[in-house]
Amino acid sequence: MHVMNIIAAHNLACPIDNLELVKQENHFRCANGHCFDIARQGYVNLLPVQHKKSKNPGDSKAMVQARTRFLDAGFYQPIAQQLSDIIYQQLSCISAQSHCVFDAGCGEGYYLQQVIAAAGKRDDDTPVAFAAMDISKPAIIDASKRSRQVSWIVGTNSQPPFLPQSVDLIFCVFGFQSFTGFKKVLKPGGKLILVEPGSKHLQELRAIIYAEPSAEKPMQQADSEKDYSLIDTQTQQFEIHLNSNEQIRDLLSMTPHLFRASSKGKACIENMDSLSLSTDIIFSVFEYNPTAS
């Protein structure tokens, strides 16, 4: 079995002045004296109040718990498996003394945990630093329980707290994308992997909860960004079968559909004990090559 050489991330930057953060015992500090404590769970909060748009941004504790139950049951394991294959394939194309992989919008950490578990698929022994960030503090508290080898961060993708050009690969699974933010930290030649819903994703659920269901529209717009080039697209479709009302409610609770569903649709969900669903996933791989200004 291939054992991955996981190293600590040494490229964190102060969210206030972008200077390098140096770890000192139980906190990080920049040269200007800004200090950020490492929580007892192992994460660091690098989301200053001026970067918040609400008091408690991101997913609530209830949403995080629903997602944890659903994902840990293995329903989306094929997505994690294909994502892992793509990540290690792309890393093998990046020549460096070490790699930094950034999970942008990591939620409760399921996908990154699966990526690390798939380390045997790697072809090389290049050391890897894993960093994972979410704007939701409850999500990061849960995620930090999954691994002590990951740098878990509360922060925002629009202003990732990393040194410029210090990240080799970013992946974002059903998350908030900030191509401008990602540009700030990706190395030239670095890779961005987006995992998004295709037009038929969970179409059976959407038919129940919406009066007039519409097709899912992928969020990615990086093809219009002149510094990103699309180098690979993969799709994936499979069926999942939910066999309890709790599983159905957990799925609804972990998606944006929870806030958009009609009251009639939510009432229908409350009375369902089984549901078969189609998944439709798009994996887009971009290479970042900044154009000369």
C-alpha atoms as a PDB file:
ATOM      1  CA  MET A   1       0.000   0.000   0.000  1.00  0.00           C
ATOM      2  CA  HIS A   2       1.347   3.396  -1.014  1.00  0.00           C
ATOM      3  CA  VAL A   3       1.786   5.686   2.006  1.00  0.00           C
ATOM      4  CA  MET A   4       1.403   9.389   1.324  1.00  0.00           C
ATOM      5  CA  ASN A   5       3.956  11.805   2.726  1.00  0.00           C
ATOM      6  CA  ILE A   6       1.635  14.462   4.173  1.00  0.00           C
ATOM      7  CA  ILE A   7       3.337  17.639   5.371  1.00  0.00           C
ATOM      8  CA  ALA A   8       2.073  20.726   7.174  1.00  0.00           C
ATOM      9  CA  ALA A   9       0.993  23.710   5.079  1.00  0.00           C
ATOM     10  CA  HIS A  10       3.526  26.548   5.397  1.00  0.00           C
ATOM     11  CA  ASN A  11       1.853  28.999   3.028  1.00  0.00           C
ATOM     12  CA  LEU A  12      -0.909  30.499   5.167  1.00  0.00           C
ATOM     13  CA  ALA A  13      -1.218  34.278   4.951  1.00  0.00           C
ATOM     14  CA  CYS A  14      -2.674  36.850   7.305  1.00  0.00           C
ATOM     15  CA  PRO A  15      -6.181  37.788   6.099  1.00  0.00           C
ATOM     16  CA  ILE A  16      -5.606  41.388   7.173  1.00  0.00           C
ATOM     17  CA  ASP A  17      -2.286  42.268   5.487  1.00  0.00           C
ATOM     18  CA  ASN A  18      -1.436  39.131   3.438  1.00  0.00           C
ATOM     19  CA  LEU A  19       1.875  38.599   5.230  1.00  0.00           C
ATOM     20  CA  GLU A  20       3.130  35.087   5.938  1.00  0.00           C
ATOM     21  CA  LEU A  21       1.640  33.445   9.022  1.00  0.00           C
ATOM     22  CA  VAL A  22       4.124  31.600  11.227  1.00  0.00           C
ATOM     23  CA  LYS A  23       2.940  28.908  13.624  1.00  0.00           C
ATOM     24  CA  GLN A  24       4.021  29.490  17.214  1.00  0.00           C
ATOM     25  CA  GLU A  25       2.791  26.934  19.754  1.00  0.00           C
ATOM     26  CA  ASN A  26      -1.019  27.320  19.714  1.00  0.00           C
ATOM     27  CA  HIS A  27      -1.392  30.268  17.363  1.00  0.00           C
ATOM     28  CA  PHE A  28      -0.352  31.800  14.048  1.00  0.00           C
ATOM     29  CA  ARG A  29       1.255  35.245  13.918  1.00  0.00           C
ATOM     30  CA  CYS A  30       2.320  37.584  11.096  1.00  0.00           C
ATOM     31  CA  ALA A  31       5.220  40.069  11.133  1.00  0.00           C
ATOM     32  CA  ASN A  32       2.814  42.912  11.934  1.00  0.00           C
ATOM     33  CA  GLY A  33       1.683  41.123  15.089  1.00  0.00           C
ATOM     34  CA  HIS A  34      -1.763  39.931  13.996  1.00  0.00           C
ATOM     35  CA  CYS A  35      -2.423  36.752  15.962  1.00  0.00           C
ATOM     36  CA  PHE A  36      -4.870  33.914  15.274  1.00  0.00           C
ATOM     37  CA  ASP A  37      -5.404  31.200  17.864  1.00  0.00           C
ATOM     38  CA  ILE A  38      -5.534  27.532  16.917  1.00  0.00           C
ATOM     39  CA  ALA A  39      -8.744  26.139  18.400  1.00  0.00           C
ATOM     40  CA  ARG A  40      -8.563  23.045  20.577  1.00  0.00           C
ATOM     41  CA  GLN A  41     -10.200  21.118  17.714  1.00  0.00           C
ATOM     42  CA  GLY A  42      -7.206  22.011  15.535  1.00  0.00           C
ATOM     43  CA  TYR A  43      -8.599  24.625  13.142  1.00  0.00           C
ATOM     44  CA  VAL A  44      -7.738  28.317  12.780  1.00  0.00           C
ATOM     45  CA  ASN A  45     -10.267  31.086  12.143  1.00  0.00           C
ATOM     46  CA  LEU A  46      -8.919  33.379   9.410  1.00  0.00           C
ATOM     47  CA  LEU A  47     -12.211  35.134   8.691  1.00  0.00           C
ATOM     48  CA  PRO A  48     -11.992  38.678  10.079  1.00  0.00           C
ATOM     49  CA  VAL A  49     -15.251  40.354  10.925  1.00  0.00           C
ATOM     50  CA  GLN A  50     -14.870  42.807   8.027  1.00  0.00           C
ATOM     51  CA  HIS A  51     -14.972  39.862   5.563  1.00  0.00           C
ATOM     52  CA  LYS A  52     -18.280  38.580   6.957  1.00  0.00           C
ATOM     53  CA  LYS A  53     -21.599  39.433   5.347  1.00  0.00           C
ATOM     54  CA  SER A  54     -23.571  38.025   8.299  1.00  0.00           C
ATOM     55  CA  LYS A  55     -22.894  37.080  11.910  1.00  0.00           C
ATOM     56  CA  ASN A  56     -22.867  33.328  11.230  1.00  0.00           C
ATOM     57  CA  PRO A  57     -22.156  32.836   7.517  1.00  0.00           C
ATOM     58  CA  GLY A  58     -22.378  29.504   5.726  1.00  0.00           C
ATOM     59  CA  ASP A  59     -24.144  26.297   6.654  1.00  0.00           C
ATOM     60  CA  SER A  60     -25.805  25.965  10.045  1.00  0.00           C
ATOM     61  CA  LYS A  61     -24.957  23.208  12.514  1.00  0.00           C
ATOM     62  CA  ALA A  62     -28.146  21.334  11.528  1.00  0.00           C
ATOM     63  CA  MET A  63     -27.236  21.463   7.823  1.00  0.00           C
ATOM     64  CA  VAL A  64     -23.705  20.257   8.583  1.00  0.00           C
ATOM     65  CA  GLN A  65     -25.020  17.340  10.633  1.00  0.00           C
ATOM     66  CA  ALA A  66     -27.448  16.355   7.856  1.00  0.00           C
ATOM     67  CA  ARG A  67     -24.648  16.405   5.273  1.00  0.00           C
ATOM     68  CA  THR A  68     -22.344  14.398   7.539  1.00  0.00           C
ATOM     69  CA  ARG A  69     -24.954  11.655   8.015  1.00  0.00           C
ATOM     70  CA  PHE A  70     -25.778  11.524   4.302  1.00  0.00           C
ATOM     71  CA  LEU A  71     -22.221  11.533   2.972  1.00  0.00           C
ATOM     72  CA  ASP A  72     -20.844   9.147   5.597  1.00  0.00           C
ATOM     73  CA  ALA A  73     -23.537   6.666   4.515  1.00  0.00           C
ATOM     74  CA  GLY A  74     -21.639   6.461   1.210  1.00  0.00           C
ATOM     75  CA  PHE A  75     -24.297   7.684  -1.223  1.00  0.00           C
ATOM     76  CA  TYR A  76     -21.857  10.018  -2.988  1.00  0.00           C
ATOM     77  CA  GLN A  77     -18.766   7.820  -2.677  1.00  0.00           C
ATOM     78  CA  PRO A  78     -18.518   7.405  -6.492  1.00  0.00           C
ATOM     79  CA  ILE A  79     -18.144  11.186  -6.764  1.00  0.00           C
ATOM     80  CA  ALA A  80     -15.308  11.174  -4.233  1.00  0.00           C
ATOM     81  CA  GLN A  81     -13.641   8.286  -6.074  1.00  0.00           C
ATOM     82  CA  GLN A  82     -13.696  10.001  -9.469  1.00  0.00           C
ATOM     83  CA  LEU A  83     -12.583  13.273  -7.897  1.00  0.00           C
ATOM     84  CA  SER A  84      -9.611  11.495  -6.272  1.00  0.00           C
ATOM     85  CA  ASP A  85      -8.610   9.939  -9.604  1.00  0.00           C
ATOM     86  CA  ILE A  86      -8.675  13.344 -11.298  1.00  0.00           C
ATOM     87  CA  ILE A  87      -6.731  15.057  -8.494  1.00  0.00           C
ATOM     88  CA  TYR A  88      -3.893  12.538  -8.510  1.00  0.00           C
ATOM     89  CA  GLN A  89      -3.783  12.486 -12.292  1.00  0.00           C
ATOM     90  CA  GLN A  90      -3.410  16.278 -12.350  1.00  0.00           C
ATOM     91  CA  LEU A  91      -0.872  16.372  -9.504  1.00  0.00           C
ATOM     92  CA  SER A  92       1.319  13.945 -11.422  1.00  0.00           C
ATOM     93  CA  CYS A  93       1.576  16.591 -14.167  1.00  0.00           C
ATOM     94  CA  ILE A  94       2.860  19.271 -11.778  1.00  0.00           C
ATOM     95  CA  SER A  95       6.593  19.160 -11.132  1.00  0.00           C
ATOM     96  CA  ALA A  96       7.463  20.553  -7.704  1.00  0.00           C
ATOM     97  CA  GLN A  97       9.427  19.680  -4.570  1.00  0.00           C
ATOM     98  CA  SER A  98       6.114  19.514  -2.717  1.00  0.00           C
ATOM     99  CA  HIS A  99       2.452  20.054  -3.552  1.00  0.00           C
ATOM    100  CA  CYS A 100      -0.222  22.113  -1.829  1.00  0.00           C
ATOM    101  CA  VAL A 101      -3.819  20.954  -2.375  1.00  0.00           C
ATOM    102  CA  PHE A 102      -6.608  23.285  -1.285  1.00  0.00           C
ATOM    103  CA  ASP A 103     -10.211  22.130  -0.747  1.00  0.00           C
ATOM    104  CA  ALA A 104     -12.149  25.365  -1.277  1.00  0.00           C
ATOM    105  CA  GLY A 105     -15.505  25.133   0.487  1.00  0.00           C
ATOM    106  CA  CYS A 106     -14.775  21.819   2.192  1.00  0.00           C
ATOM    107  CA  GLY A 107     -17.972  21.593   4.244  1.00  0.00           C
ATOM    108  CA  GLU A 108     -17.662  18.895   6.871  1.00  0.00           C
ATOM    109  CA  GLY A 109     -14.583  17.402   5.178  1.00  0.00           C
ATOM    110  CA  TYR A 110     -15.959  14.210   3.615  1.00  0.00           C
ATOM    111  CA  TYR A 111     -14.471  14.643   0.152  1.00  0.00           C
ATOM    112  CA  LEU A 112     -10.985  15.569   1.359  1.00  0.00           C
ATOM    113  CA  GLN A 113     -10.995  12.608   3.741  1.00  0.00           C
ATOM    114  CA  GLN A 114     -11.801  10.346   0.769  1.00  0.00           C
ATOM    115  CA  VAL A 115      -9.088  11.974  -1.356  1.00  0.00           C
ATOM    116  CA  ILE A 116      -6.477  11.320   1.329  1.00  0.00           C
ATOM    117  CA  ALA A 117      -7.709   7.732   1.753  1.00  0.00           C
ATOM    118  CA  ALA A 118      -7.167   7.188  -1.988  1.00  0.00           C
ATOM    119  CA  ALA A 119      -3.455   7.992  -1.697  1.00  0.00           C
ATOM    120  CA  GLY A 120      -2.549   4.585  -3.091  1.00  0.00           C
ATOM    121  CA  LYS A 121      -3.520   5.863  -6.535  1.00  0.00           C
ATOM    122  CA  ARG A 122      -0.581   8.269  -6.606  1.00  0.00           C
ATOM    123  CA  ASP A 123       2.340   7.597  -8.900  1.00  0.00           C
ATOM    124  CA  ASP A 124       4.954   9.618  -7.033  1.00  0.00           C
ATOM    125  CA  ASP A 125       6.236  10.334  -3.537  1.00  0.00           C
ATOM    126  CA  THR A 126       6.141  14.131  -3.693  1.00  0.00           C
ATOM    127  CA  PRO A 127       5.146  15.454  -0.246  1.00  0.00           C
ATOM    128  CA  VAL A 128       1.655  16.979  -0.130  1.00  0.00           C
ATOM    129  CA  ALA A 129       0.207  19.635   2.170  1.00  0.00           C
ATOM    130  CA  PHE A 130      -3.587  19.606   2.440  1.00  0.00           C
ATOM    131  CA  ALA A 131      -5.505  22.731   3.395  1.00  0.00           C
ATOM    132  CA  ALA A 132      -9.291  22.914   3.610  1.00  0.00           C
ATOM    133  CA  MET A 133     -11.481  25.929   4.186  1.00  0.00           C
ATOM    134  CA  ASP A 134     -15.134  26.777   4.675  1.00  0.00           C
ATOM    135  CA  ILE A 135     -16.913  29.951   5.692  1.00  0.00           C
ATOM    136  CA  SER A 136     -19.093  27.917   8.093  1.00  0.00           C
ATOM    137  CA  LYS A 137     -17.553  27.537  11.541  1.00  0.00           C
ATOM    138  CA  PRO A 138     -19.813  24.559  12.447  1.00  0.00           C
ATOM    139  CA  ALA A 139     -18.640  22.816   9.251  1.00  0.00           C
ATOM    140  CA  ILE A 140     -14.956  23.306  10.077  1.00  0.00           C
ATOM    141  CA  ILE A 141     -15.455  22.151  13.676  1.00  0.00           C
ATOM    142  CA  ASP A 142     -16.896  18.879  12.334  1.00  0.00           C
ATOM    143  CA  ALA A 143     -14.319  18.616   9.536  1.00  0.00           C
ATOM    144  CA  SER A 144     -11.404  18.978  11.931  1.00  0.00           C
ATOM    145  CA  LYS A 145     -12.451  15.706  13.587  1.00  0.00           C
ATOM    146  CA  ARG A 146     -11.649  13.816  10.385  1.00  0.00           C
ATOM    147  CA  SER A 147      -7.887  14.371  10.252  1.00  0.00           C
ATOM    148  CA  ARG A 148      -5.142  16.084  12.221  1.00  0.00           C
ATOM    149  CA  GLN A 149      -2.950  16.135   9.093  1.00  0.00           C
ATOM    150  CA  VAL A 150      -5.042  18.816   7.351  1.00  0.00           C
ATOM    151  CA  SER A 151      -4.832  22.577   7.874  1.00  0.00           C
ATOM    152  CA  TRP A 152      -8.508  23.350   8.600  1.00  0.00           C
ATOM    153  CA  ILE A 153      -9.445  26.998   8.136  1.00  0.00           C
ATOM    154  CA  VAL A 154     -12.504  29.181   8.605  1.00  0.00           C
ATOM    155  CA  GLY A 155     -12.321  31.663   5.737  1.00  0.00           C
ATOM    156  CA  THR A 156     -13.811  32.853   2.477  1.00  0.00           C
ATOM    157  CA  ASN A 157     -12.999  31.730  -1.074  1.00  0.00           C
ATOM    158  CA  SER A 158     -13.154  35.329  -2.278  1.00  0.00           C
ATOM    159  CA  GLN A 159     -10.037  36.051  -0.197  1.00  0.00           C
ATOM    160  CA  PRO A 160      -8.200  32.757   0.431  1.00  0.00           C
ATOM    161  CA  PRO A 161      -5.641  33.235   3.228  1.00  0.00           C
ATOM    162  CA  PHE A 162      -2.642  31.832   1.361  1.00  0.00           C
ATOM    163  CA  LEU A 163       0.550  33.404   0.079  1.00  0.00           C
ATOM    164  CA  PRO A 164       0.453  34.442  -3.605  1.00  0.00           C
ATOM    165  CA  GLN A 165       1.188  31.661  -6.106  1.00  0.00           C
ATOM    166  CA  SER A 166       1.621  29.023  -3.387  1.00  0.00           C
ATOM    167  CA  VAL A 167      -1.155  26.520  -4.197  1.00  0.00           C
ATOM    168  CA  ASP A 168      -0.737  23.778  -6.832  1.00  0.00           C
ATOM    169  CA  LEU A 169      -4.297  22.493  -7.037  1.00  0.00           C
ATOM    170  CA  ILE A 170      -7.685  23.769  -5.865  1.00  0.00           C
ATOM    171  CA  PHE A 171     -10.841  21.682  -5.884  1.00  0.00           C
ATOM    172  CA  CYS A 172     -14.340  22.924  -5.171  1.00  0.00           C
ATOM    173  CA  VAL A 173     -17.223  20.459  -4.750  1.00  0.00           C
ATOM    174  CA  PHE A 174     -20.717  21.988  -5.097  1.00  0.00           C
ATOM    175  CA  GLY A 175     -19.265  25.107  -3.512  1.00  0.00           C
ATOM    176  CA  PHE A 176     -19.057  28.855  -3.858  1.00  0.00           C
ATOM    177  CA  GLN A 177     -16.521  29.616  -6.571  1.00  0.00           C
ATOM    178  CA  SER A 178     -14.359  32.719  -6.693  1.00  0.00           C
ATOM    179  CA  PHE A 179     -12.145  32.648  -9.746  1.00  0.00           C
ATOM    180  CA  THR A 180     -10.679  36.003  -8.751  1.00  0.00           C
ATOM    181  CA  GLY A 181      -9.867  34.714  -5.275  1.00  0.00           C
ATOM    182  CA  PHE A 182      -8.365  31.498  -6.633  1.00  0.00           C
ATOM    183  CA  LYS A 183      -6.132  33.502  -9.001  1.00  0.00           C
ATOM    184  CA  LYS A 184      -4.508  35.168  -6.012  1.00  0.00           C
ATOM    185  CA  VAL A 185      -3.104  31.905  -4.657  1.00  0.00           C
ATOM    186  CA  LEU A 186      -2.722  29.470  -7.590  1.00  0.00           C
ATOM    187  CA  LYS A 187       0.709  28.934  -9.075  1.00  0.00           C
ATOM    188  CA  PRO A 188       1.048  29.526 -12.816  1.00  0.00           C
ATOM    189  CA  GLY A 189       0.239  26.154 -14.335  1.00  0.00           C
ATOM    190  CA  GLY A 190      -1.805  25.250 -11.258  1.00  0.00           C
ATOM    191  CA  LYS A 191      -5.066  23.344 -11.601  1.00  0.00           C
ATOM    192  CA  LEU A 192      -8.644  24.148 -10.598  1.00  0.00           C
ATOM    193  CA  ILE A 193     -11.140  21.273 -10.411  1.00  0.00           C
ATOM    194  CA  LEU A 194     -14.836  22.110 -10.174  1.00  0.00           C
ATOM    195  CA  VAL A 195     -17.450  19.484  -9.282  1.00  0.00           C
ATOM    196  CA  GLU A 196     -20.938  20.675 -10.195  1.00  0.00           C
ATOM    197  CA  PRO A 197     -24.463  19.337 -10.743  1.00  0.00           C
ATOM    198  CA  GLY A 198     -25.455  18.503 -14.299  1.00  0.00           C
ATOM    199  CA  SER A 199     -28.895  19.313 -15.691  1.00  0.00           C
ATOM    200  CA  LYS A 200     -30.495  16.048 -14.498  1.00  0.00           C
ATOM    201  CA  HIS A 201     -28.979  15.990 -11.009  1.00  0.00           C
ATOM    202  CA  LEU A 202     -31.613  14.964  -8.417  1.00  0.00           C
ATOM    203  CA  GLN A 203     -34.343  15.665 -10.972  1.00  0.00           C
ATOM    204  CA  GLU A 204     -36.788  13.382  -9.144  1.00  0.00           C
ATOM    205  CA  LEU A 205     -36.374  15.404  -5.939  1.00  0.00           C
ATOM    206  CA  ARG A 206     -36.788  18.691  -7.786  1.00  0.00           C
ATOM    207  CA  ALA A 207     -40.000  17.406  -9.414  1.00  0.00           C
ATOM    208  CA  ILE A 208     -41.448  16.894  -5.921  1.00  0.00           C
ATOM    209  CA  ILE A 209     -40.406  20.108  -4.213  1.00  0.00           C
ATOM    210  CA  TYR A 210     -40.940  22.663  -6.993  1.00  0.00           C
ATOM    211  CA  ALA A 211     -44.185  23.648  -8.661  1.00  0.00           C
ATOM    212  CA  GLU A 212     -42.245  24.222 -11.892  1.00  0.00           C
ATOM    213  CA  PRO A 213     -38.891  22.402 -11.687  1.00  0.00           C
ATOM    214  CA  SER A 214     -36.149  23.676 -13.966  1.00  0.00           C
ATOM    215  CA  ALA A 215     -32.928  22.028 -15.032  1.00  0.00           C
ATOM    216  CA  GLU A 216     -29.854  22.488 -12.861  1.00  0.00           C
ATOM    217  CA  LYS A 217     -27.470  25.034 -14.307  1.00  0.00           C
ATOM    218  CA  PRO A 218     -23.745  24.536 -13.683  1.00  0.00           C
ATOM    219  CA  MET A 219     -22.189  27.424 -11.795  1.00  0.00           C
ATOM    220  CA  GLN A 220     -18.838  27.407 -13.534  1.00  0.00           C
ATOM    221  CA  GLN A 221     -17.977  30.467 -15.534  1.00  0.00           C
ATOM    222  CA  ALA A 222     -14.214  30.027 -15.599  1.00  0.00           C
ATOM    223  CA  ASP A 223     -14.268  29.502 -19.350  1.00  0.00           C
ATOM    224  CA  SER A 224     -14.990  33.234 -19.638  1.00  0.00           C
ATOM    225  CA  GLU A 225     -11.959  34.000 -17.464  1.00  0.00           C
ATOM    226  CA  LYS A 226      -9.033  34.725 -19.761  1.00  0.00           C
ATOM    227  CA  ASP A 227      -6.490  33.300 -17.303  1.00  0.00           C
ATOM    228  CA  TYR A 228      -8.108  29.856 -17.082  1.00  0.00           C
ATOM    229  CA  SER A 229      -8.154  27.241 -19.831  1.00  0.00           C
ATOM    230  CA  LEU A 230     -10.447  24.221 -19.713  1.00  0.00           C
ATOM    231  CA  ILE A 231      -8.230  21.157 -20.159  1.00  0.00           C
ATOM    232  CA  ASP A 232     -10.581  18.294 -19.263  1.00  0.00           C
ATOM    233  CA  THR A 233     -14.275  17.614 -18.682  1.00  0.00           C
ATOM    234  CA  GLN A 234     -15.679  14.388 -17.248  1.00  0.00           C
ATOM    235  CA  THR A 235     -19.228  13.406 -16.357  1.00  0.00           C
ATOM    236  CA  GLN A 236     -20.714  10.840 -14.045  1.00  0.00           C
ATOM    237  CA  GLN A 237     -24.230   9.460 -13.631  1.00  0.00           C
ATOM    238  CA  PHE A 238     -25.466   6.855 -11.161  1.00  0.00           C
ATOM    239  CA  GLU A 239     -28.578   6.107  -9.140  1.00  0.00           C
ATOM    240  CA  ILE A 240     -29.015   6.282  -5.394  1.00  0.00           C
ATOM    241  CA  HIS A 241     -31.825   4.748  -3.371  1.00  0.00           C
ATOM    242  CA  LEU A 242     -32.899   6.368  -0.110  1.00  0.00           C
ATOM    243  CA  ASN A 243     -34.747   4.028   2.220  1.00  0.00           C
ATOM    244  CA  SER A 244     -35.830   6.227   5.118  1.00  0.00           C
ATOM    245  CA  ASN A 245     -37.459   9.570   5.690  1.00  0.00           C
ATOM    246  CA  GLU A 246     -34.372  10.720   7.588  1.00  0.00           C
ATOM    247  CA  GLN A 247     -32.163  10.078   4.547  1.00  0.00           C
ATOM    248  CA  ILE A 248     -34.543  12.001   2.291  1.00  0.00           C
ATOM    249  CA  ARG A 249     -34.752  14.933   4.709  1.00  0.00           C
ATOM    250  CA  ASP A 250     -30.966  14.915   5.179  1.00  0.00           C
ATOM    251  CA  LEU A 251     -30.450  15.186   1.427  1.00  0.00           C
ATOM    252  CA  LEU A 252     -32.866  18.082   1.168  1.00  0.00           C
ATOM    253  CA  SER A 253     -31.317  19.799   4.191  1.00  0.00           C
ATOM    254  CA  MET A 254     -27.788  19.696   2.718  1.00  0.00           C
ATOM    255  CA  THR A 255     -28.735  21.359  -0.575  1.00  0.00           C
ATOM    256  CA  PRO A 256     -29.760  24.922  -1.501  1.00  0.00           C
ATOM    257  CA  HIS A 257     -33.130  23.385  -2.436  1.00  0.00           C
ATOM    258  CA  LEU A 258     -34.051  23.500   1.263  1.00  0.00           C
ATOM    259  CA  PHE A 259     -34.525  27.269   1.027  1.00  0.00           C
ATOM    260  CA  ARG A 260     -36.231  27.286  -2.356  1.00  0.00           C
ATOM    261  CA  ALA A 261     -38.660  24.373  -2.006  1.00  0.00           C
ATOM    262  CA  SER A 262     -42.386  25.099  -1.928  1.00  0.00           C
ATOM    263  CA  SER A 263     -44.280  24.490   1.311  1.00  0.00           C
ATOM    264  CA  LYS A 264     -46.333  21.865  -0.539  1.00  0.00           C
ATOM    265  CA  GLY A 265     -43.146  20.176  -1.704  1.00  0.00           C
ATOM    266  CA  LYS A 266     -41.691  20.110   1.810  1.00  0.00           C
ATOM    267  CA  ALA A 267     -44.939  18.582   3.106  1.00  0.00           C
ATOM    268  CA  CYS A 268     -44.627  15.810   0.502  1.00  0.00           C
ATOM    269  CA  ILE A 269     -41.070  15.078   1.630  1.00  0.00           C
ATOM    270  CA  GLU A 270     -42.222  14.731   5.247  1.00  0.00           C
ATOM    271  CA  ASN A 271     -44.423  11.775   4.260  1.00  0.00           C
ATOM    272  CA  MET A 272     -41.937   9.871   2.068  1.00  0.00           C
ATOM    273  CA  ASP A 273     -40.034   6.788   3.247  1.00  0.00           C
ATOM    274  CA  SER A 274     -38.191   5.884   0.043  1.00  0.00           C
ATOM    275  CA  LEU A 275     -36.921   7.697  -3.021  1.00  0.00           C
ATOM    276  CA  SER A 276     -34.782   6.708  -6.007  1.00  0.00           C
ATOM    277  CA  LEU A 277     -32.720   9.503  -7.509  1.00  0.00           C
ATOM    278  CA  SER A 278     -30.556  10.193 -10.528  1.00  0.00           C
ATOM    279  CA  THR A 279     -27.205  11.875 -10.028  1.00  0.00           C
ATOM    280  CA  ASP A 280     -25.612  13.882 -12.804  1.00  0.00           C
ATOM    281  CA  ILE A 281     -22.154  15.276 -12.085  1.00  0.00           C
ATOM    282  CA  ILE A 282     -19.769  17.403 -14.147  1.00  0.00           C
ATOM    283  CA  PHE A 283     -16.037  17.504 -13.364  1.00  0.00           C
ATOM    284  CA  SER A 284     -14.249  20.435 -15.026  1.00  0.00           C
ATOM    285  CA  VAL A 285     -10.474  20.796 -14.890  1.00  0.00           C
ATOM    286  CA  PHE A 286      -8.914  24.190 -15.583  1.00  0.00           C
ATOM    287  CA  GLU A 287      -5.286  25.208 -15.833  1.00  0.00           C
ATOM    288  CA  TYR A 288      -4.330  28.639 -14.571  1.00  0.00           C
ATOM    289  CA  ASN A 289      -1.935  30.536 -16.809  1.00  0.00           C
ATOM    290  CA  PRO A 290      -1.990  34.265 -16.047  1.00  0.00           C
ATOM    291  CA  THR A 291      -1.790  36.469 -19.098  1.00  0.00           C
ATOM    292  CA  ALA A 292       0.769  39.230 -19.113  1.00  0.00           C
ATOM    293  CA  SER A 293      -0.872  42.551 -18.306  1.00  0.00           C
END
